[in-house]
């Protein structure tokens, strides 16, 4: 088997996993196209605390398939004769699939922030999202409830009683 094939397959896997790693984290500033124009209920509150958390990586199957293909191709070059090549390909495919699955999960793991918010006149809630607005403890926020819950900096002027 030509040595350039495993390299091409490895490059294809790396590109696929790299694209998956760029998947957006739930954010206060980014909406999906399907969320545009949908009504959201708004409440106000104050951030009591925040902490950094990890969002687990994706399991799309790209890592499993890509790793299996690369492992099978690499394993087929091991040994002398057709039987050894077939056994090497099978073992390489299984090992590659396992390693590809683990790699996809690790490469697509992302950081986020867990916010604990005291709602005005209500209880507390926790929301996990990206802290793309640089929110801190004590900041006033608007809590937006639609297809997802998100918090954003409260920029509305204070109402007079």
N, C-alpha and C. Protein backbone atom coordinates (compact mmCIF):
# COMPACT_ATOMS: atom_id res chain seq x y z
N UNK A 1 0.86 -1.18 0.00
CA UNK A 1 0.00 0.00 0.00
C UNK A 1 0.90 1.24 0.00
N UNK A 2 0.61 2.24 -0.81
CA UNK A 2 1.43 3.44 -0.84
C UNK A 2 1.41 4.14 0.51
N UNK A 3 2.55 4.71 0.90
CA UNK A 3 2.62 5.39 2.20
C UNK A 3 1.86 6.70 2.21
N UNK A 4 1.52 7.25 1.06
CA UNK A 4 0.81 8.53 1.04
C UNK A 4 -0.66 8.37 1.43
N UNK A 5 -1.25 7.17 1.25
CA UNK A 5 -2.65 6.97 1.60
C UNK A 5 -2.90 7.16 3.09
N UNK A 6 -2.13 6.51 4.00
CA UNK A 6 -2.37 6.77 5.42
C UNK A 6 -2.19 8.24 5.78
N UNK A 7 -1.24 8.91 5.15
CA UNK A 7 -1.05 10.35 5.43
C UNK A 7 -2.26 11.16 5.00
N UNK A 8 -2.81 10.84 3.83
CA UNK A 8 -3.99 11.56 3.34
C UNK A 8 -5.18 11.31 4.26
N UNK A 9 -5.34 10.05 4.69
CA UNK A 9 -6.44 9.73 5.59
C UNK A 9 -6.28 10.43 6.93
N UNK A 10 -5.04 10.48 7.44
CA UNK A 10 -4.79 11.18 8.70
C UNK A 10 -5.11 12.67 8.56
N UNK A 11 -4.74 13.25 7.44
CA UNK A 11 -5.04 14.67 7.20
C UNK A 11 -6.54 14.90 7.14
N UNK A 12 -7.26 14.01 6.47
CA UNK A 12 -8.72 14.15 6.38
C UNK A 12 -9.36 14.06 7.76
N UNK A 13 -8.88 13.13 8.59
CA UNK A 13 -9.41 13.00 9.95
C UNK A 13 -9.12 14.26 10.76
N UNK A 14 -7.91 14.78 10.65
CA UNK A 14 -7.55 15.98 11.40
C UNK A 14 -8.42 17.17 10.99
N UNK A 15 -8.67 17.31 9.70
CA UNK A 15 -9.52 18.41 9.23
C UNK A 15 -10.95 18.24 9.74
N UNK A 16 -11.48 17.02 9.68
CA UNK A 16 -12.84 16.77 10.16
C UNK A 16 -12.98 17.05 11.64
N UNK A 17 -12.02 16.59 12.44
CA UNK A 17 -12.08 16.83 13.88
C UNK A 17 -11.86 18.30 14.19
N UNK A 18 -11.01 18.95 13.42
CA UNK A 18 -10.79 20.38 13.63
C UNK A 18 -12.06 21.18 13.39
N UNK A 19 -12.80 20.81 12.36
CA UNK A 19 -14.07 21.49 12.08
C UNK A 19 -15.06 21.24 13.21
N UNK A 20 -15.10 20.02 13.74
CA UNK A 20 -16.01 19.72 14.85
C UNK A 20 -15.62 20.50 16.09
N UNK A 21 -14.32 20.74 16.29
CA UNK A 21 -13.86 21.47 17.47
C UNK A 21 -14.29 22.93 17.42
N UNK A 22 -14.62 23.44 16.25
CA UNK A 22 -15.03 24.83 16.12
C UNK A 22 -16.52 25.02 16.36
N UNK A 23 -17.21 23.97 16.73
CA UNK A 23 -18.64 24.09 17.01
C UNK A 23 -18.85 25.10 18.12
N UNK A 24 -19.86 25.97 17.99
CA UNK A 24 -20.04 27.04 18.96
C UNK A 24 -20.49 26.53 20.33
N UNK A 25 -20.02 27.20 21.36
CA UNK A 25 -20.46 26.94 22.73
C UNK A 25 -21.72 27.78 22.93
N UNK A 26 -22.69 27.28 23.70
CA UNK A 26 -23.88 28.05 24.01
C UNK A 26 -23.43 29.41 24.52
N UNK A 27 -23.96 30.47 23.97
CA UNK A 27 -23.45 31.82 24.21
C UNK A 27 -24.58 32.80 24.46
N UNK A 28 -24.25 33.89 25.12
CA UNK A 28 -25.20 34.97 25.30
C UNK A 28 -25.34 35.81 24.05
N UNK A 29 -24.34 35.76 23.17
CA UNK A 29 -24.31 36.62 21.99
C UNK A 29 -24.62 35.92 20.68
N UNK A 30 -24.64 34.59 20.64
CA UNK A 30 -24.81 33.87 19.38
C UNK A 30 -26.11 33.09 19.38
N UNK A 31 -26.88 33.30 18.34
CA UNK A 31 -28.16 32.61 18.17
C UNK A 31 -28.09 31.74 16.92
N UNK A 32 -28.82 30.63 16.92
CA UNK A 32 -28.95 29.83 15.70
C UNK A 32 -29.99 30.51 14.81
N UNK A 33 -29.97 30.17 13.55
CA UNK A 33 -30.95 30.75 12.62
C UNK A 33 -32.38 30.41 13.04
N UNK A 34 -32.60 29.24 13.60
CA UNK A 34 -33.95 28.84 13.99
C UNK A 34 -34.45 29.62 15.20
N UNK A 35 -33.55 30.24 15.97
CA UNK A 35 -33.96 31.02 17.14
C UNK A 35 -34.34 32.44 16.78
N UNK A 36 -33.94 32.91 15.61
CA UNK A 36 -34.27 34.27 15.19
C UNK A 36 -35.77 34.41 15.03
N UNK A 37 -36.31 35.48 15.57
CA UNK A 37 -37.73 35.76 15.45
C UNK A 37 -38.61 35.03 16.45
N UNK A 38 -38.02 34.21 17.31
CA UNK A 38 -38.82 33.51 18.32
C UNK A 38 -38.95 34.37 19.57
N UNK A 39 -40.13 34.32 20.16
CA UNK A 39 -40.38 35.06 21.39
C UNK A 39 -39.54 34.50 22.53
N UNK A 40 -39.05 35.40 23.39
CA UNK A 40 -38.34 35.01 24.59
C UNK A 40 -38.92 35.79 25.76
N UNK A 41 -39.11 35.11 26.85
CA UNK A 41 -39.54 35.76 28.09
C UNK A 41 -38.31 36.31 28.77
N UNK A 42 -38.43 37.51 29.37
CA UNK A 42 -37.28 38.16 29.98
C UNK A 42 -37.54 38.38 31.46
N UNK A 43 -36.57 38.00 32.27
CA UNK A 43 -36.58 38.29 33.70
C UNK A 43 -35.26 38.99 34.00
N UNK A 44 -35.17 39.63 35.15
CA UNK A 44 -33.95 40.32 35.55
C UNK A 44 -33.37 39.62 36.77
N UNK A 45 -32.07 39.79 36.94
CA UNK A 45 -31.43 39.18 38.10
C UNK A 45 -30.01 39.69 38.30
N UNK A 46 -29.35 39.14 39.30
CA UNK A 46 -27.98 39.51 39.66
C UNK A 46 -27.14 38.25 39.75
N UNK A 47 -25.95 38.29 39.17
CA UNK A 47 -25.04 37.14 39.24
C UNK A 47 -24.49 37.03 40.65
N UNK A 48 -24.72 35.88 41.28
CA UNK A 48 -24.20 35.62 42.63
C UNK A 48 -22.81 35.01 42.57
N UNK A 49 -22.62 34.09 41.63
CA UNK A 49 -21.31 33.44 41.51
C UNK A 49 -21.15 32.88 40.11
N UNK A 50 -19.92 32.60 39.77
CA UNK A 50 -19.63 31.94 38.51
C UNK A 50 -18.41 31.07 38.68
N UNK A 51 -18.34 30.02 37.85
CA UNK A 51 -17.19 29.14 37.87
C UNK A 51 -16.98 28.55 36.49
N UNK A 52 -15.73 28.26 36.19
CA UNK A 52 -15.39 27.67 34.90
C UNK A 52 -15.73 26.18 34.93
N UNK A 53 -16.32 25.70 33.85
CA UNK A 53 -16.68 24.29 33.70
C UNK A 53 -16.24 23.82 32.31
N UNK A 54 -16.29 22.52 32.09
CA UNK A 54 -15.98 21.94 30.78
C UNK A 54 -17.25 21.37 30.18
N UNK A 55 -17.42 21.58 28.89
CA UNK A 55 -18.49 20.93 28.14
C UNK A 55 -17.87 19.71 27.48
N UNK A 56 -18.46 18.55 27.70
CA UNK A 56 -17.89 17.33 27.14
C UNK A 56 -17.84 17.41 25.62
N UNK A 57 -16.90 16.67 25.05
CA UNK A 57 -16.71 16.67 23.60
C UNK A 57 -17.82 15.94 22.87
N UNK A 58 -17.85 16.15 21.57
CA UNK A 58 -18.87 15.53 20.73
C UNK A 58 -18.49 14.08 20.40
N UNK A 59 -19.49 13.33 20.02
CA UNK A 59 -19.33 11.94 19.59
C UNK A 59 -20.12 11.77 18.29
N UNK A 60 -19.65 12.44 17.22
CA UNK A 60 -20.38 12.40 15.95
C UNK A 60 -20.13 11.12 15.17
N UNK A 61 -19.09 10.39 15.52
CA UNK A 61 -18.72 9.20 14.77
C UNK A 61 -17.60 9.47 13.79
N UNK A 62 -17.28 10.74 13.54
CA UNK A 62 -16.20 11.07 12.61
C UNK A 62 -14.87 10.52 13.10
N UNK A 63 -14.61 10.63 14.40
CA UNK A 63 -13.37 10.11 14.95
C UNK A 63 -13.30 8.60 14.87
N UNK A 64 -14.42 7.93 15.13
CA UNK A 64 -14.47 6.48 15.07
C UNK A 64 -14.22 5.98 13.65
N UNK A 65 -14.94 6.54 12.69
CA UNK A 65 -14.79 6.12 11.29
C UNK A 65 -13.41 6.47 10.77
N UNK A 66 -13.00 7.71 10.98
CA UNK A 66 -11.68 8.13 10.49
C UNK A 66 -10.56 7.34 11.12
N UNK A 67 -10.62 7.14 12.43
CA UNK A 67 -9.60 6.35 13.11
C UNK A 67 -9.58 4.92 12.63
N UNK A 68 -10.76 4.34 12.40
CA UNK A 68 -10.84 2.97 11.90
C UNK A 68 -10.24 2.82 10.52
N UNK A 69 -10.52 3.79 9.65
CA UNK A 69 -9.97 3.75 8.29
C UNK A 69 -8.45 3.89 8.32
N UNK A 70 -7.97 4.85 9.09
CA UNK A 70 -6.52 5.06 9.16
C UNK A 70 -5.84 3.85 9.80
N UNK A 71 -6.42 3.36 10.90
CA UNK A 71 -5.84 2.19 11.56
C UNK A 71 -5.84 0.97 10.67
N UNK A 72 -6.93 0.76 9.93
CA UNK A 72 -7.00 -0.37 9.01
C UNK A 72 -5.97 -0.27 7.90
N UNK A 73 -5.84 0.94 7.35
CA UNK A 73 -4.85 1.15 6.29
C UNK A 73 -3.43 0.94 6.81
N UNK A 74 -3.15 1.46 7.98
CA UNK A 74 -1.81 1.30 8.55
C UNK A 74 -1.57 -0.16 8.94
N UNK A 75 -2.56 -0.80 9.53
CA UNK A 75 -2.41 -2.19 9.94
C UNK A 75 -2.24 -3.15 8.79
N UNK A 76 -2.78 -2.83 7.63
CA UNK A 76 -2.68 -3.72 6.48
C UNK A 76 -1.26 -3.82 5.93
N UNK A 77 -0.41 -2.92 6.33
CA UNK A 77 0.98 -2.95 5.85
C UNK A 77 1.87 -3.76 6.77
N UNK A 78 1.33 -4.28 7.87
CA UNK A 78 2.11 -5.04 8.84
C UNK A 78 2.16 -6.50 8.41
N UNK A 79 3.31 -7.11 8.54
CA UNK A 79 3.45 -8.54 8.28
C UNK A 79 3.69 -8.87 6.82
N UNK A 80 3.92 -10.16 6.60
CA UNK A 80 4.19 -10.69 5.26
C UNK A 80 3.02 -11.56 4.84
N UNK A 81 2.49 -11.38 3.67
CA UNK A 81 1.44 -12.23 3.14
C UNK A 81 0.06 -11.68 3.38
N UNK A 82 -0.90 -12.26 2.65
CA UNK A 82 -2.28 -11.78 2.67
C UNK A 82 -2.93 -11.96 4.03
N UNK A 83 -2.73 -13.11 4.69
CA UNK A 83 -3.34 -13.34 6.00
C UNK A 83 -2.85 -12.34 7.03
N UNK A 84 -1.56 -12.11 7.05
CA UNK A 84 -1.00 -11.15 8.01
C UNK A 84 -1.51 -9.74 7.73
N UNK A 85 -1.63 -9.40 6.46
CA UNK A 85 -2.13 -8.07 6.10
C UNK A 85 -3.59 -7.90 6.51
N UNK A 86 -4.41 -8.95 6.32
CA UNK A 86 -5.82 -8.89 6.70
C UNK A 86 -5.95 -8.79 8.22
N UNK A 87 -5.20 -9.61 8.93
CA UNK A 87 -5.24 -9.56 10.41
C UNK A 87 -4.76 -8.21 10.91
N UNK A 88 -3.71 -7.69 10.33
CA UNK A 88 -3.20 -6.37 10.71
C UNK A 88 -4.21 -5.28 10.44
N UNK A 89 -4.89 -5.38 9.29
CA UNK A 89 -5.92 -4.38 8.95
C UNK A 89 -7.07 -4.41 9.95
N UNK A 90 -7.51 -5.62 10.32
CA UNK A 90 -8.62 -5.75 11.26
C UNK A 90 -8.24 -5.19 12.64
N UNK A 91 -7.07 -5.60 13.12
CA UNK A 91 -6.62 -5.11 14.43
C UNK A 91 -6.39 -3.60 14.39
N UNK A 92 -5.80 -3.11 13.31
CA UNK A 92 -5.57 -1.68 13.17
C UNK A 92 -6.85 -0.88 13.10
N UNK A 93 -7.87 -1.45 12.44
CA UNK A 93 -9.16 -0.76 12.34
C UNK A 93 -9.82 -0.63 13.70
N UNK A 94 -9.78 -1.70 14.49
CA UNK A 94 -10.40 -1.66 15.82
C UNK A 94 -9.66 -0.67 16.72
N UNK A 95 -8.34 -0.80 16.76
CA UNK A 95 -7.55 0.12 17.58
C UNK A 95 -7.71 1.56 17.11
N UNK A 96 -7.69 1.78 15.81
CA UNK A 96 -7.85 3.12 15.26
C UNK A 96 -9.21 3.72 15.59
N UNK A 97 -10.26 2.88 15.55
CA UNK A 97 -11.61 3.36 15.87
C UNK A 97 -11.70 3.81 17.33
N UNK A 98 -11.11 3.00 18.22
CA UNK A 98 -11.13 3.36 19.65
C UNK A 98 -10.36 4.66 19.87
N UNK A 99 -9.17 4.74 19.31
CA UNK A 99 -8.35 5.96 19.48
C UNK A 99 -9.00 7.17 18.81
N UNK A 100 -9.63 6.96 17.66
CA UNK A 100 -10.31 8.06 16.97
C UNK A 100 -11.48 8.60 17.76
N UNK A 101 -12.24 7.70 18.41
CA UNK A 101 -13.36 8.13 19.26
C UNK A 101 -12.86 8.96 20.43
N UNK A 102 -11.79 8.48 21.07
CA UNK A 102 -11.22 9.23 22.20
C UNK A 102 -10.67 10.58 21.75
N UNK A 103 -10.01 10.61 20.60
CA UNK A 103 -9.45 11.86 20.09
C UNK A 103 -10.54 12.87 19.78
N UNK A 104 -11.62 12.42 19.12
CA UNK A 104 -12.71 13.34 18.80
C UNK A 104 -13.30 13.95 20.07
N UNK A 105 -13.53 13.12 21.07
CA UNK A 105 -14.11 13.63 22.31
C UNK A 105 -13.20 14.65 22.97
N UNK A 106 -11.92 14.36 23.04
CA UNK A 106 -10.97 15.27 23.70
C UNK A 106 -10.78 16.56 22.89
N UNK A 107 -10.68 16.45 21.57
CA UNK A 107 -10.44 17.63 20.74
C UNK A 107 -11.63 18.57 20.68
N UNK A 108 -12.83 18.06 20.91
CA UNK A 108 -14.02 18.91 20.84
C UNK A 108 -14.53 19.34 22.21
N UNK A 109 -13.82 18.99 23.26
CA UNK A 109 -14.17 19.45 24.61
C UNK A 109 -13.93 20.97 24.66
N UNK A 110 -14.84 21.70 25.29
CA UNK A 110 -14.70 23.16 25.35
C UNK A 110 -14.94 23.68 26.76
N UNK A 111 -14.48 24.89 26.99
CA UNK A 111 -14.66 25.55 28.28
C UNK A 111 -15.92 26.42 28.23
N UNK A 112 -16.57 26.54 29.36
CA UNK A 112 -17.75 27.40 29.50
C UNK A 112 -17.78 27.92 30.93
N UNK A 113 -18.80 28.70 31.25
CA UNK A 113 -18.95 29.25 32.59
C UNK A 113 -20.33 28.90 33.12
N UNK A 114 -20.37 28.47 34.37
CA UNK A 114 -21.65 28.23 35.05
C UNK A 114 -21.95 29.46 35.89
N UNK A 115 -23.07 30.10 35.60
CA UNK A 115 -23.49 31.30 36.33
C UNK A 115 -24.61 30.92 37.30
N UNK A 116 -24.51 31.35 38.54
CA UNK A 116 -25.61 31.24 39.48
C UNK A 116 -26.21 32.64 39.60
N UNK A 117 -27.50 32.74 39.32
CA UNK A 117 -28.17 34.04 39.24
C UNK A 117 -29.36 34.07 40.20
N UNK A 118 -29.45 35.16 40.97
CA UNK A 118 -30.62 35.41 41.81
C UNK A 118 -31.60 36.23 41.00
N UNK A 119 -32.75 35.63 40.67
CA UNK A 119 -33.76 36.36 39.93
C UNK A 119 -34.47 37.34 40.85
N UNK A 120 -34.78 38.51 40.33
CA UNK A 120 -35.53 39.50 41.10
C UNK A 120 -36.89 38.92 41.46
N UNK A 121 -37.20 38.90 42.77
CA UNK A 121 -38.49 38.45 43.23
C UNK A 121 -38.74 36.96 43.01
N UNK A 122 -37.71 36.18 42.79
CA UNK A 122 -37.89 34.74 42.56
C UNK A 122 -36.69 33.99 43.13
N UNK A 123 -36.54 32.76 42.73
CA UNK A 123 -35.46 31.92 43.23
C UNK A 123 -34.17 32.10 42.45
N UNK A 124 -33.28 31.17 42.68
CA UNK A 124 -31.99 31.17 41.98
C UNK A 124 -32.05 30.19 40.82
N UNK A 125 -31.26 30.50 39.78
CA UNK A 125 -31.09 29.59 38.65
C UNK A 125 -29.60 29.47 38.36
N UNK A 126 -29.25 28.42 37.64
CA UNK A 126 -27.89 28.25 37.14
C UNK A 126 -27.97 28.09 35.63
N UNK A 127 -27.08 28.77 34.92
CA UNK A 127 -27.03 28.71 33.47
C UNK A 127 -25.59 28.48 33.07
N UNK A 128 -25.36 27.53 32.15
CA UNK A 128 -24.02 27.28 31.62
C UNK A 128 -23.98 27.81 30.19
N UNK A 129 -23.00 28.67 29.93
CA UNK A 129 -22.81 29.24 28.60
C UNK A 129 -21.42 29.85 28.54
N UNK A 130 -21.02 30.31 27.36
CA UNK A 130 -19.76 31.03 27.22
C UNK A 130 -19.90 32.39 27.91
N UNK A 131 -18.81 32.86 28.49
CA UNK A 131 -18.83 34.19 29.12
C UNK A 131 -18.25 35.20 28.13
N UNK A 132 -18.90 35.31 26.99
CA UNK A 132 -18.40 36.18 25.93
C UNK A 132 -18.63 37.67 26.21
N UNK A 133 -19.37 37.98 27.25
CA UNK A 133 -19.59 39.39 27.61
C UNK A 133 -18.73 39.81 28.81
N UNK A 134 -17.91 38.91 29.31
CA UNK A 134 -17.06 39.24 30.46
C UNK A 134 -17.86 39.53 31.72
N UNK A 135 -18.95 38.80 31.92
CA UNK A 135 -19.80 39.01 33.10
C UNK A 135 -19.05 38.62 34.37
N UNK A 136 -19.40 39.31 35.50
CA UNK A 136 -18.75 39.05 36.79
C UNK A 136 -19.80 39.00 37.89
N UNK A 137 -19.38 38.52 39.06
CA UNK A 137 -20.26 38.51 40.22
C UNK A 137 -20.77 39.92 40.47
N UNK A 138 -22.06 40.03 40.80
CA UNK A 138 -22.67 41.33 41.08
C UNK A 138 -23.26 42.02 39.86
N UNK A 139 -22.93 41.57 38.66
CA UNK A 139 -23.48 42.20 37.45
C UNK A 139 -24.97 41.93 37.34
N UNK A 140 -25.69 42.95 36.87
CA UNK A 140 -27.12 42.82 36.58
C UNK A 140 -27.25 42.18 35.20
N UNK A 141 -28.18 41.20 35.10
CA UNK A 141 -28.36 40.49 33.84
C UNK A 141 -29.84 40.37 33.50
N UNK A 142 -30.07 40.20 32.21
CA UNK A 142 -31.39 39.83 31.71
C UNK A 142 -31.35 38.33 31.47
N UNK A 143 -32.35 37.63 31.92
CA UNK A 143 -32.46 36.18 31.74
C UNK A 143 -33.46 35.96 30.61
N UNK A 144 -33.01 35.42 29.52
CA UNK A 144 -33.84 35.22 28.34
C UNK A 144 -34.26 33.76 28.26
N UNK A 145 -35.56 33.53 28.25
CA UNK A 145 -36.09 32.17 28.18
C UNK A 145 -36.85 32.00 26.88
N UNK A 146 -36.34 31.15 26.03
CA UNK A 146 -36.98 30.79 24.77
C UNK A 146 -36.78 29.30 24.60
N UNK A 147 -36.23 28.90 23.43
CA UNK A 147 -35.92 27.49 23.25
C UNK A 147 -34.74 27.09 24.12
N UNK A 148 -33.96 28.06 24.55
CA UNK A 148 -32.87 27.87 25.49
C UNK A 148 -32.92 29.01 26.50
N UNK A 149 -32.23 28.82 27.62
CA UNK A 149 -32.11 29.91 28.59
C UNK A 149 -30.70 30.47 28.45
N UNK A 150 -30.61 31.78 28.42
CA UNK A 150 -29.31 32.44 28.36
C UNK A 150 -29.36 33.70 29.19
N UNK A 151 -28.19 34.16 29.59
CA UNK A 151 -28.14 35.44 30.31
C UNK A 151 -27.27 36.40 29.51
N UNK A 152 -27.65 37.66 29.57
CA UNK A 152 -26.91 38.73 28.90
C UNK A 152 -26.86 39.93 29.85
N UNK A 153 -25.89 40.77 29.63
CA UNK A 153 -25.78 41.98 30.45
C UNK A 153 -27.06 42.79 30.33
N UNK A 154 -27.57 43.27 31.46
CA UNK A 154 -28.79 44.08 31.48
C UNK A 154 -28.40 45.51 31.11
N UNK A 155 -28.78 45.93 29.92
CA UNK A 155 -28.47 47.28 29.45
C UNK A 155 -29.68 48.19 29.45
N UNK A 156 -30.80 47.68 29.92
CA UNK A 156 -32.02 48.50 29.94
C UNK A 156 -31.89 49.54 31.05
N UNK A 157 -32.37 50.76 30.78
CA UNK A 157 -32.33 51.78 31.83
C UNK A 157 -33.26 51.39 32.98
N UNK A 158 -32.89 51.81 34.18
CA UNK A 158 -33.72 51.53 35.36
C UNK A 158 -35.03 52.28 35.22
N UNK A 159 -36.12 51.63 35.61
CA UNK A 159 -37.45 52.26 35.56
C UNK A 159 -37.69 53.11 36.78
N UNK A 160 -38.39 54.17 36.59
CA UNK A 160 -38.81 54.99 37.74
C UNK A 160 -40.06 54.38 38.33
N UNK A 161 -40.19 54.40 39.67
CA UNK A 161 -41.39 53.84 40.32
C UNK A 161 -42.62 54.66 40.05
